[in-house]
């Protein structure tokens, strides 16, 4: 985990993993992950662990698929063979109802509200908001096609969390996790 006191901040954006298609009259927010989605979420956690990007704070949509993605990611970060990643301290997890169907400005508001000494923030959310937030933070390097399922984009904010603004967090890495 990053020591927030050293002024280095990392924001990891993650689009939830692959989900089942909506069947019948059930609400969209209750769609579960597919088997591939669960495997991809664990692979995303292993990638974060291998790259020392373990979160201090997790901001997660309350939609079932986002919660399941976070759970799989957390399991993948534990270093189960063959990943071998570090477990690290347990992050603070905040399930955020406003992250479901959020516009990029709403997601940015959630990030701005984290404690100032937080080093690494992981935001698990949905398209189009999560892709648009990435493009808002780094319009030059953002993927014009947006984030696919289980895409991770690592941004390095150049300011305090509360002052995070458009163009203020260059992309330093991206990865599409596949299990």
N, C-alpha and C. Protein backbone atom coordinates (compact mmCIF):
# COMPACT_ATOMS: atom_id res chain seq x y z
N UNK A 1 0.83 -1.18 0.00
CA UNK A 1 0.00 0.00 0.00
C UNK A 1 0.87 1.24 0.00
N UNK A 2 0.31 2.28 -0.54
CA UNK A 2 1.05 3.53 -0.61
C UNK A 2 0.89 4.30 0.68
N UNK A 3 1.94 4.93 1.13
CA UNK A 3 1.87 5.80 2.31
C UNK A 3 1.39 7.16 1.84
N UNK A 4 0.15 7.53 2.20
CA UNK A 4 -0.45 8.77 1.75
C UNK A 4 0.32 10.00 2.17
N UNK A 5 1.18 9.89 3.21
CA UNK A 5 1.93 11.05 3.69
C UNK A 5 3.03 11.47 2.73
N UNK A 6 3.44 10.57 1.83
CA UNK A 6 4.53 10.94 0.93
C UNK A 6 4.03 11.71 -0.28
N UNK A 7 2.78 12.07 -0.28
CA UNK A 7 2.15 12.89 -1.31
C UNK A 7 1.97 12.17 -2.65
N UNK A 8 2.36 10.91 -2.75
CA UNK A 8 2.10 10.17 -3.98
C UNK A 8 0.71 9.58 -3.88
N UNK A 9 -0.09 9.86 -4.89
CA UNK A 9 -1.46 9.37 -4.92
C UNK A 9 -1.65 8.53 -6.18
N UNK A 10 -2.44 7.49 -6.03
CA UNK A 10 -2.75 6.62 -7.16
C UNK A 10 -4.25 6.38 -7.18
N UNK A 11 -4.83 6.55 -8.35
CA UNK A 11 -6.25 6.26 -8.55
C UNK A 11 -6.34 5.16 -9.58
N UNK A 12 -6.93 4.03 -9.18
CA UNK A 12 -7.13 2.91 -10.08
C UNK A 12 -8.62 2.85 -10.41
N UNK A 13 -8.92 2.96 -11.69
CA UNK A 13 -10.31 2.85 -12.15
C UNK A 13 -10.51 1.44 -12.69
N UNK A 14 -11.61 0.82 -12.33
CA UNK A 14 -11.91 -0.54 -12.76
C UNK A 14 -13.36 -0.63 -13.20
N UNK A 15 -13.56 -1.04 -14.44
CA UNK A 15 -14.92 -1.35 -14.88
C UNK A 15 -15.22 -2.77 -14.40
N UNK A 16 -16.41 -2.97 -13.88
CA UNK A 16 -16.80 -4.29 -13.36
C UNK A 16 -16.56 -5.39 -14.40
N UNK A 17 -16.51 -6.63 -13.92
CA UNK A 17 -16.26 -7.78 -14.77
C UNK A 17 -17.52 -8.17 -15.57
N UNK A 18 -17.36 -9.13 -16.47
CA UNK A 18 -18.42 -9.57 -17.37
C UNK A 18 -19.61 -10.14 -16.60
N UNK A 19 -20.80 -9.74 -17.04
CA UNK A 19 -22.03 -10.13 -16.32
C UNK A 19 -22.94 -11.00 -17.18
N UNK A 20 -23.86 -11.63 -16.47
CA UNK A 20 -24.94 -12.38 -17.13
C UNK A 20 -25.86 -11.38 -17.84
N UNK A 21 -26.51 -11.84 -18.88
CA UNK A 21 -27.50 -11.02 -19.55
C UNK A 21 -28.74 -10.93 -18.66
N UNK A 22 -29.45 -9.84 -18.79
CA UNK A 22 -30.67 -9.64 -18.02
C UNK A 22 -31.72 -10.62 -18.51
N UNK A 23 -32.28 -11.41 -17.60
CA UNK A 23 -33.31 -12.39 -17.95
C UNK A 23 -34.60 -12.01 -17.26
N UNK A 24 -35.65 -11.87 -18.04
CA UNK A 24 -36.95 -11.58 -17.45
C UNK A 24 -37.05 -10.15 -16.95
N UNK A 25 -37.74 -10.01 -15.83
CA UNK A 25 -38.07 -8.69 -15.30
C UNK A 25 -37.15 -8.23 -14.18
N UNK A 26 -36.09 -8.93 -13.91
CA UNK A 26 -35.20 -8.55 -12.81
C UNK A 26 -34.55 -7.20 -13.03
N UNK A 27 -34.20 -6.51 -11.95
CA UNK A 27 -33.54 -5.22 -12.08
C UNK A 27 -32.10 -5.36 -12.58
N UNK A 28 -31.68 -4.43 -13.38
CA UNK A 28 -30.33 -4.43 -13.94
C UNK A 28 -29.27 -4.46 -12.84
N UNK A 29 -29.51 -3.78 -11.75
CA UNK A 29 -28.52 -3.69 -10.67
C UNK A 29 -28.26 -5.05 -10.01
N UNK A 30 -29.10 -6.04 -10.26
CA UNK A 30 -28.93 -7.35 -9.64
C UNK A 30 -28.29 -8.39 -10.55
N UNK A 31 -27.82 -7.98 -11.73
CA UNK A 31 -27.17 -8.94 -12.62
C UNK A 31 -25.88 -9.45 -12.00
N UNK A 32 -25.67 -10.79 -11.97
CA UNK A 32 -24.45 -11.35 -11.40
C UNK A 32 -23.35 -11.48 -12.45
N UNK A 33 -22.14 -11.75 -11.97
CA UNK A 33 -21.02 -12.02 -12.87
C UNK A 33 -21.17 -13.41 -13.50
N UNK A 34 -20.59 -13.56 -14.66
CA UNK A 34 -20.46 -14.87 -15.29
C UNK A 34 -19.26 -15.57 -14.67
N UNK A 35 -19.06 -16.84 -15.01
CA UNK A 35 -17.87 -17.56 -14.54
C UNK A 35 -16.61 -16.86 -15.05
N UNK A 36 -16.64 -16.43 -16.30
CA UNK A 36 -15.49 -15.69 -16.84
C UNK A 36 -15.28 -14.39 -16.06
N UNK A 37 -16.35 -13.70 -15.72
CA UNK A 37 -16.24 -12.46 -14.95
C UNK A 37 -15.59 -12.68 -13.60
N UNK A 38 -15.95 -13.78 -12.93
CA UNK A 38 -15.34 -14.08 -11.63
C UNK A 38 -13.84 -14.36 -11.79
N UNK A 39 -13.48 -15.11 -12.81
CA UNK A 39 -12.06 -15.40 -13.06
C UNK A 39 -11.30 -14.13 -13.42
N UNK A 40 -11.90 -13.28 -14.24
CA UNK A 40 -11.26 -12.03 -14.63
C UNK A 40 -11.05 -11.10 -13.43
N UNK A 41 -12.02 -11.07 -12.53
CA UNK A 41 -11.90 -10.22 -11.34
C UNK A 41 -10.72 -10.68 -10.48
N UNK A 42 -10.57 -11.99 -10.30
CA UNK A 42 -9.44 -12.52 -9.53
C UNK A 42 -8.12 -12.19 -10.22
N UNK A 43 -8.11 -12.29 -11.56
CA UNK A 43 -6.89 -11.95 -12.31
C UNK A 43 -6.55 -10.47 -12.15
N UNK A 44 -7.55 -9.62 -12.08
CA UNK A 44 -7.32 -8.19 -11.86
C UNK A 44 -6.68 -7.96 -10.49
N UNK A 45 -7.15 -8.66 -9.48
CA UNK A 45 -6.57 -8.54 -8.15
C UNK A 45 -5.12 -8.99 -8.12
N UNK A 46 -4.83 -10.08 -8.82
CA UNK A 46 -3.45 -10.57 -8.89
C UNK A 46 -2.55 -9.55 -9.59
N UNK A 47 -3.05 -8.92 -10.65
CA UNK A 47 -2.27 -7.91 -11.35
C UNK A 47 -1.97 -6.72 -10.43
N UNK A 48 -2.98 -6.27 -9.70
CA UNK A 48 -2.76 -5.17 -8.75
C UNK A 48 -1.71 -5.54 -7.71
N UNK A 49 -1.78 -6.75 -7.19
CA UNK A 49 -0.81 -7.18 -6.18
C UNK A 49 0.60 -7.23 -6.77
N UNK A 50 0.73 -7.79 -7.97
CA UNK A 50 2.06 -7.88 -8.60
C UNK A 50 2.67 -6.51 -8.86
N UNK A 51 1.82 -5.51 -9.07
CA UNK A 51 2.31 -4.16 -9.38
C UNK A 51 2.25 -3.22 -8.17
N UNK A 52 2.11 -3.80 -6.98
CA UNK A 52 2.09 -3.02 -5.73
C UNK A 52 1.07 -1.89 -5.77
N UNK A 53 -0.12 -2.20 -6.27
CA UNK A 53 -1.20 -1.23 -6.36
C UNK A 53 -2.37 -1.62 -5.45
N UNK A 54 -2.06 -2.12 -4.28
CA UNK A 54 -3.10 -2.50 -3.34
C UNK A 54 -3.78 -1.25 -2.80
N UNK A 55 -5.11 -1.23 -2.80
CA UNK A 55 -5.81 0.00 -2.40
C UNK A 55 -5.85 0.21 -0.90
N UNK A 56 -5.84 1.48 -0.52
CA UNK A 56 -6.10 1.88 0.86
C UNK A 56 -7.59 2.08 1.06
N UNK A 57 -8.25 2.59 0.02
CA UNK A 57 -9.69 2.84 0.02
C UNK A 57 -10.28 2.28 -1.26
N UNK A 58 -11.41 1.59 -1.13
CA UNK A 58 -12.16 1.09 -2.28
C UNK A 58 -13.51 1.79 -2.29
N UNK A 59 -13.82 2.41 -3.42
CA UNK A 59 -15.13 3.00 -3.65
C UNK A 59 -15.81 2.10 -4.66
N UNK A 60 -16.91 1.46 -4.26
CA UNK A 60 -17.53 0.43 -5.10
C UNK A 60 -19.02 0.70 -5.26
N UNK A 61 -19.49 0.61 -6.48
CA UNK A 61 -20.92 0.69 -6.76
C UNK A 61 -21.64 -0.39 -5.96
N UNK A 62 -22.88 -0.13 -5.62
CA UNK A 62 -23.67 -1.11 -4.88
C UNK A 62 -24.31 -2.15 -5.79
N UNK A 63 -24.19 -2.02 -7.10
CA UNK A 63 -24.74 -3.03 -8.01
C UNK A 63 -24.07 -4.37 -7.72
N UNK A 64 -24.84 -5.43 -7.84
CA UNK A 64 -24.34 -6.78 -7.53
C UNK A 64 -23.06 -7.10 -8.30
N UNK A 65 -23.01 -6.79 -9.59
CA UNK A 65 -21.83 -7.12 -10.40
C UNK A 65 -20.58 -6.38 -9.94
N UNK A 66 -20.74 -5.15 -9.45
CA UNK A 66 -19.59 -4.39 -8.94
C UNK A 66 -19.12 -4.98 -7.62
N UNK A 67 -20.05 -5.32 -6.74
CA UNK A 67 -19.69 -5.93 -5.45
C UNK A 67 -19.00 -7.27 -5.67
N UNK A 68 -19.52 -8.07 -6.61
CA UNK A 68 -18.89 -9.36 -6.90
C UNK A 68 -17.51 -9.16 -7.53
N UNK A 69 -17.37 -8.13 -8.35
CA UNK A 69 -16.06 -7.83 -8.93
C UNK A 69 -15.07 -7.49 -7.82
N UNK A 70 -15.47 -6.63 -6.89
CA UNK A 70 -14.58 -6.28 -5.78
C UNK A 70 -14.21 -7.53 -4.98
N UNK A 71 -15.18 -8.40 -4.70
CA UNK A 71 -14.91 -9.60 -3.92
C UNK A 71 -13.88 -10.48 -4.65
N UNK A 72 -14.06 -10.69 -5.95
CA UNK A 72 -13.11 -11.49 -6.72
C UNK A 72 -11.73 -10.84 -6.77
N UNK A 73 -11.72 -9.54 -6.91
CA UNK A 73 -10.47 -8.80 -6.93
C UNK A 73 -9.73 -8.95 -5.60
N UNK A 74 -10.46 -8.83 -4.51
CA UNK A 74 -9.86 -8.98 -3.18
C UNK A 74 -9.28 -10.38 -3.01
N UNK A 75 -9.98 -11.39 -3.50
CA UNK A 75 -9.47 -12.76 -3.42
C UNK A 75 -8.21 -12.90 -4.27
N UNK A 76 -8.17 -12.28 -5.43
CA UNK A 76 -7.00 -12.34 -6.30
C UNK A 76 -5.79 -11.63 -5.71
N UNK A 77 -6.02 -10.62 -4.88
CA UNK A 77 -4.91 -9.88 -4.27
C UNK A 77 -4.23 -10.66 -3.16
N UNK A 78 -4.85 -11.75 -2.70
CA UNK A 78 -4.28 -12.49 -1.57
C UNK A 78 -3.07 -13.31 -1.95
N UNK A 79 -2.79 -13.43 -3.24
CA UNK A 79 -1.59 -14.14 -3.66
C UNK A 79 -1.76 -15.63 -3.75
N UNK A 80 -2.98 -16.10 -4.01
CA UNK A 80 -3.18 -17.52 -4.21
C UNK A 80 -2.33 -18.00 -5.37
N UNK A 81 -1.74 -19.17 -5.27
CA UNK A 81 -0.91 -19.67 -6.36
C UNK A 81 -1.71 -19.66 -7.66
N UNK A 82 -1.09 -19.32 -8.79
CA UNK A 82 0.32 -19.06 -8.99
C UNK A 82 0.67 -17.57 -8.94
N UNK A 83 -0.23 -16.70 -8.53
CA UNK A 83 0.04 -15.26 -8.59
C UNK A 83 1.15 -14.82 -7.64
N UNK A 84 1.10 -15.29 -6.39
CA UNK A 84 2.14 -14.96 -5.44
C UNK A 84 2.21 -13.50 -5.03
N UNK A 85 1.09 -12.78 -5.06
CA UNK A 85 1.10 -11.37 -4.70
C UNK A 85 0.98 -11.16 -3.21
N UNK A 86 1.35 -9.96 -2.73
CA UNK A 86 1.25 -9.65 -1.30
C UNK A 86 -0.19 -9.39 -0.90
N UNK A 87 -0.53 -9.77 0.29
CA UNK A 87 -1.88 -9.55 0.78
C UNK A 87 -2.07 -8.11 1.23
N UNK A 88 -1.18 -7.59 2.05
CA UNK A 88 -1.29 -6.21 2.51
C UNK A 88 -2.40 -6.01 3.51
N UNK A 89 -2.47 -4.83 4.12
CA UNK A 89 -3.55 -4.51 5.06
C UNK A 89 -4.89 -4.46 4.34
N UNK A 90 -5.94 -4.65 5.10
CA UNK A 90 -7.29 -4.61 4.55
C UNK A 90 -7.68 -3.17 4.25
N UNK A 91 -8.17 -2.90 3.03
CA UNK A 91 -8.57 -1.53 2.72
C UNK A 91 -9.91 -1.16 3.35
N UNK A 92 -10.16 0.12 3.43
CA UNK A 92 -11.47 0.63 3.80
C UNK A 92 -12.34 0.51 2.56
N UNK A 93 -13.49 -0.15 2.67
CA UNK A 93 -14.38 -0.34 1.52
C UNK A 93 -15.65 0.45 1.76
N UNK A 94 -15.97 1.32 0.80
CA UNK A 94 -17.21 2.11 0.86
C UNK A 94 -18.07 1.73 -0.34
N UNK A 95 -19.24 1.17 -0.05
CA UNK A 95 -20.19 0.86 -1.12
C UNK A 95 -21.02 2.11 -1.36
N UNK A 96 -20.94 2.61 -2.58
CA UNK A 96 -21.51 3.90 -2.92
C UNK A 96 -22.69 3.75 -3.89
N UNK A 97 -23.92 3.97 -3.41
CA UNK A 97 -25.09 3.87 -4.30
C UNK A 97 -25.02 4.84 -5.48
N UNK A 98 -24.40 6.00 -5.29
CA UNK A 98 -24.35 6.99 -6.37
C UNK A 98 -23.39 6.60 -7.49
N UNK A 99 -22.56 5.56 -7.27
CA UNK A 99 -21.64 5.12 -8.33
C UNK A 99 -22.36 4.33 -9.42
N UNK A 100 -23.56 3.85 -9.13
CA UNK A 100 -24.35 3.12 -10.13
C UNK A 100 -25.01 4.14 -11.06
N UNK A 101 -24.78 3.99 -12.36
CA UNK A 101 -25.28 4.91 -13.38
C UNK A 101 -24.78 6.34 -13.21
N UNK A 102 -23.61 6.50 -12.61
CA UNK A 102 -23.06 7.83 -12.33
C UNK A 102 -22.43 8.45 -13.57
N UNK A 103 -22.52 9.75 -13.64
CA UNK A 103 -21.80 10.54 -14.63
C UNK A 103 -20.37 10.74 -14.10
N UNK A 104 -19.42 11.08 -14.97
CA UNK A 104 -18.04 11.22 -14.50
C UNK A 104 -17.88 12.26 -13.38
N UNK A 105 -18.65 13.32 -13.42
CA UNK A 105 -18.55 14.35 -12.38
C UNK A 105 -18.97 13.80 -11.02
N UNK A 106 -19.96 12.90 -11.01
CA UNK A 106 -20.40 12.29 -9.76
C UNK A 106 -19.32 11.35 -9.21
N UNK A 107 -18.67 10.61 -10.10
CA UNK A 107 -17.59 9.72 -9.67
C UNK A 107 -16.40 10.54 -9.15
N UNK A 108 -16.10 11.64 -9.84
CA UNK A 108 -15.02 12.51 -9.40
C UNK A 108 -15.31 13.07 -8.00
N UNK A 109 -16.55 13.39 -7.73
CA UNK A 109 -16.94 13.90 -6.42
C UNK A 109 -16.67 12.85 -5.33
N UNK A 110 -16.93 11.57 -5.62
CA UNK A 110 -16.64 10.50 -4.66
C UNK A 110 -15.14 10.42 -4.36
N UNK A 111 -14.32 10.52 -5.41
CA UNK A 111 -12.87 10.46 -5.24
C UNK A 111 -12.37 11.67 -4.45
N UNK A 112 -12.90 12.83 -4.74
CA UNK A 112 -12.47 14.04 -4.03
C UNK A 112 -12.74 13.98 -2.54
N UNK A 113 -13.70 13.15 -2.14
CA UNK A 113 -14.11 13.08 -0.73
C UNK A 113 -13.27 12.13 0.11
N UNK A 114 -12.30 11.41 -0.48
CA UNK A 114 -11.49 10.50 0.33
C UNK A 114 -10.57 11.30 1.25
N UNK A 115 -10.14 10.65 2.30
CA UNK A 115 -9.26 11.31 3.28
C UNK A 115 -7.97 11.78 2.60
N UNK A 116 -7.47 12.94 2.98
CA UNK A 116 -6.29 13.51 2.33
C UNK A 116 -5.04 12.65 2.43
N UNK A 117 -4.92 11.82 3.45
CA UNK A 117 -3.71 11.00 3.61
C UNK A 117 -3.81 9.64 2.92
N UNK A 118 -4.86 9.44 2.13
CA UNK A 118 -5.04 8.18 1.41
C UNK A 118 -4.05 8.11 0.25
N UNK A 119 -3.37 6.98 0.13
CA UNK A 119 -2.39 6.81 -0.94
C UNK A 119 -3.00 6.27 -2.22
N UNK A 120 -3.68 5.12 -2.14
CA UNK A 120 -4.23 4.48 -3.34
C UNK A 120 -5.73 4.28 -3.19
N UNK A 121 -6.46 4.74 -4.19
CA UNK A 121 -7.91 4.59 -4.24
C UNK A 121 -8.26 3.71 -5.43
N UNK A 122 -9.14 2.74 -5.20
CA UNK A 122 -9.69 1.90 -6.26
C UNK A 122 -11.16 2.25 -6.40
N UNK A 123 -11.57 2.59 -7.62
CA UNK A 123 -12.98 2.90 -7.90
C UNK A 123 -13.51 1.83 -8.83
N UNK A 124 -14.53 1.07 -8.37
CA UNK A 124 -15.17 0.02 -9.16
C UNK A 124 -16.54 0.54 -9.57
N UNK A 125 -16.72 0.75 -10.88
CA UNK A 125 -17.96 1.34 -11.35
C UNK A 125 -18.31 0.83 -12.75
N UNK A 126 -19.15 1.58 -13.44
CA UNK A 126 -19.79 1.13 -14.67
C UNK A 126 -19.53 2.10 -15.83
N UNK A 127 -19.72 1.57 -17.03
CA UNK A 127 -19.72 2.44 -18.21
C UNK A 127 -21.10 3.04 -18.38
N UNK A 128 -21.20 4.22 -18.94
CA UNK A 128 -20.12 4.99 -19.54
C UNK A 128 -19.34 5.86 -18.55
N UNK A 129 -19.84 5.99 -17.32
CA UNK A 129 -19.25 6.92 -16.36
C UNK A 129 -17.77 6.67 -16.07
N UNK A 130 -17.37 5.41 -15.87
CA UNK A 130 -15.98 5.13 -15.51
C UNK A 130 -15.04 5.45 -16.66
N UNK A 131 -15.46 5.15 -17.90
CA UNK A 131 -14.63 5.48 -19.08
C UNK A 131 -14.53 6.98 -19.26
N UNK A 132 -15.64 7.66 -19.07
CA UNK A 132 -15.65 9.11 -19.22
C UNK A 132 -14.81 9.79 -18.14
N UNK A 133 -14.80 9.22 -16.93
CA UNK A 133 -13.95 9.77 -15.87
C UNK A 133 -12.48 9.64 -16.25
N UNK A 134 -12.09 8.48 -16.76
CA UNK A 134 -10.70 8.29 -17.18
C UNK A 134 -10.32 9.31 -18.25
N UNK A 135 -11.20 9.52 -19.21
CA UNK A 135 -10.94 10.50 -20.28
C UNK A 135 -10.91 11.92 -19.73
N UNK A 136 -11.72 12.20 -18.74
CA UNK A 136 -11.73 13.53 -18.13
C UNK A 136 -10.41 13.81 -17.41
N UNK A 137 -9.87 12.79 -16.74
CA UNK A 137 -8.64 12.96 -15.97
C UNK A 137 -7.39 13.01 -16.83
N UNK A 138 -7.42 12.33 -17.99
CA UNK A 138 -6.28 12.35 -18.90
C UNK A 138 -6.80 12.22 -20.34
N UNK A 139 -7.27 13.33 -20.90
CA UNK A 139 -7.87 13.27 -22.24
C UNK A 139 -6.89 12.82 -23.34
N UNK A 140 -5.60 13.06 -23.15
CA UNK A 140 -4.61 12.70 -24.18
C UNK A 140 -4.33 11.20 -24.25
N UNK A 141 -4.33 10.53 -23.09
CA UNK A 141 -3.94 9.11 -23.05
C UNK A 141 -5.11 8.15 -22.90
N UNK A 142 -6.30 8.65 -22.67
CA UNK A 142 -7.45 7.76 -22.47
C UNK A 142 -7.77 7.00 -23.75
N UNK A 143 -8.21 5.76 -23.58
CA UNK A 143 -8.59 4.93 -24.71
C UNK A 143 -9.88 5.49 -25.30
N UNK A 144 -9.89 5.86 -26.59
CA UNK A 144 -11.09 6.43 -27.18
C UNK A 144 -12.27 5.46 -27.20
N UNK A 145 -11.98 4.17 -27.10
CA UNK A 145 -13.05 3.17 -27.07
C UNK A 145 -13.58 2.92 -25.66
N UNK A 146 -12.97 3.54 -24.66
CA UNK A 146 -13.42 3.37 -23.29
C UNK A 146 -12.91 2.08 -22.66
N UNK A 147 -13.37 1.82 -21.44
CA UNK A 147 -12.94 0.64 -20.70
C UNK A 147 -13.84 -0.54 -21.04
N UNK A 148 -13.21 -1.68 -21.28
CA UNK A 148 -13.94 -2.93 -21.47
C UNK A 148 -14.12 -3.57 -20.09
N UNK A 149 -14.87 -4.66 -20.02
CA UNK A 149 -15.05 -5.32 -18.73
C UNK A 149 -13.70 -5.73 -18.16
N UNK A 150 -13.53 -5.51 -16.89
CA UNK A 150 -12.33 -5.80 -16.11
C UNK A 150 -11.10 -5.06 -16.62
N UNK A 151 -11.30 -3.89 -17.21
CA UNK A 151 -10.18 -3.02 -17.57
C UNK A 151 -9.78 -2.21 -16.34
N UNK A 152 -8.48 -2.15 -16.11
CA UNK A 152 -7.90 -1.34 -15.05
C UNK A 152 -7.12 -0.20 -15.69
N UNK A 153 -7.33 1.02 -15.20
CA UNK A 153 -6.57 2.17 -15.67
C UNK A 153 -6.00 2.85 -14.44
N UNK A 154 -4.68 3.04 -14.43
CA UNK A 154 -3.98 3.63 -13.29
C UNK A 154 -3.68 5.09 -13.61
N UNK A 155 -4.20 5.98 -12.77
CA UNK A 155 -3.96 7.43 -12.89
C UNK A 155 -3.12 7.88 -11.71
N UNK A 156 -2.24 8.85 -11.92
CA UNK A 156 -1.43 9.43 -10.85
C UNK A 156 -1.80 10.90 -10.70
N UNK A 157 -2.73 11.21 -9.78
CA UNK A 157 -3.10 12.61 -9.57
C UNK A 157 -1.91 13.48 -9.19
N UNK A 158 -1.91 14.70 -9.70
CA UNK A 158 -0.83 15.64 -9.43
C UNK A 158 -1.19 16.63 -8.32
N UNK A 159 -2.38 16.46 -7.73
CA UNK A 159 -2.84 17.34 -6.66
C UNK A 159 -3.41 16.50 -5.52
N UNK A 160 -3.82 17.19 -4.47
CA UNK A 160 -4.55 16.53 -3.38
C UNK A 160 -5.85 15.96 -3.93
N UNK A 161 -6.40 14.96 -3.22
CA UNK A 161 -7.67 14.36 -3.67
C UNK A 161 -8.76 15.41 -3.82
N UNK A 162 -8.89 16.27 -2.84
CA UNK A 162 -9.97 17.26 -2.85
C UNK A 162 -9.87 18.24 -4.01
N UNK A 163 -8.67 18.40 -4.55
CA UNK A 163 -8.45 19.35 -5.65
C UNK A 163 -8.38 18.67 -7.02
N UNK A 164 -8.62 17.37 -7.07
CA UNK A 164 -8.53 16.64 -8.33
C UNK A 164 -9.46 17.26 -9.36
N UNK A 165 -8.90 17.57 -10.52
CA UNK A 165 -9.65 18.29 -11.56
C UNK A 165 -9.43 17.64 -12.92
N UNK A 166 -10.26 17.99 -13.90
CA UNK A 166 -10.04 17.48 -15.25
C UNK A 166 -8.61 17.73 -15.72
N UNK A 167 -8.02 16.71 -16.34
CA UNK A 167 -6.66 16.80 -16.82
C UNK A 167 -5.61 16.66 -15.73
N UNK A 168 -6.02 16.39 -14.50
CA UNK A 168 -5.09 16.39 -13.37
C UNK A 168 -4.58 15.05 -12.91
N UNK A 169 -4.72 14.00 -13.72
CA UNK A 169 -4.25 12.69 -13.28
C UNK A 169 -3.81 11.87 -14.49
N UNK A 170 -2.55 11.99 -14.88
CA UNK A 170 -2.06 11.24 -16.04
C UNK A 170 -2.20 9.73 -15.87
N UNK A 171 -2.47 9.06 -16.96
CA UNK A 171 -2.51 7.60 -16.98
C UNK A 171 -1.07 7.09 -17.03
N UNK A 172 -0.77 6.16 -16.12
CA UNK A 172 0.58 5.58 -16.09
C UNK A 172 0.58 4.10 -16.44
N UNK A 173 -0.58 3.46 -16.40
CA UNK A 173 -0.66 2.03 -16.76
C UNK A 173 -2.10 1.68 -17.06
N UNK A 174 -2.26 0.64 -17.84
CA UNK A 174 -3.59 0.07 -18.07
C UNK A 174 -3.43 -1.42 -18.33
N UNK A 175 -4.50 -2.15 -17.99
CA UNK A 175 -4.44 -3.60 -18.12
C UNK A 175 -5.86 -4.14 -18.26
N UNK A 176 -6.04 -5.08 -19.17
CA UNK A 176 -7.30 -5.81 -19.27
C UNK A 176 -7.07 -7.17 -18.65
N UNK A 177 -7.73 -7.42 -17.52
CA UNK A 177 -7.53 -8.66 -16.78
C UNK A 177 -8.37 -9.77 -17.40
N UNK A 178 -7.72 -10.90 -17.63
CA UNK A 178 -8.41 -12.10 -18.12
C UNK A 178 -7.91 -13.28 -17.32
N UNK A 179 -8.86 -14.03 -16.74
CA UNK A 179 -8.50 -15.16 -15.89
C UNK A 179 -8.44 -16.46 -16.64
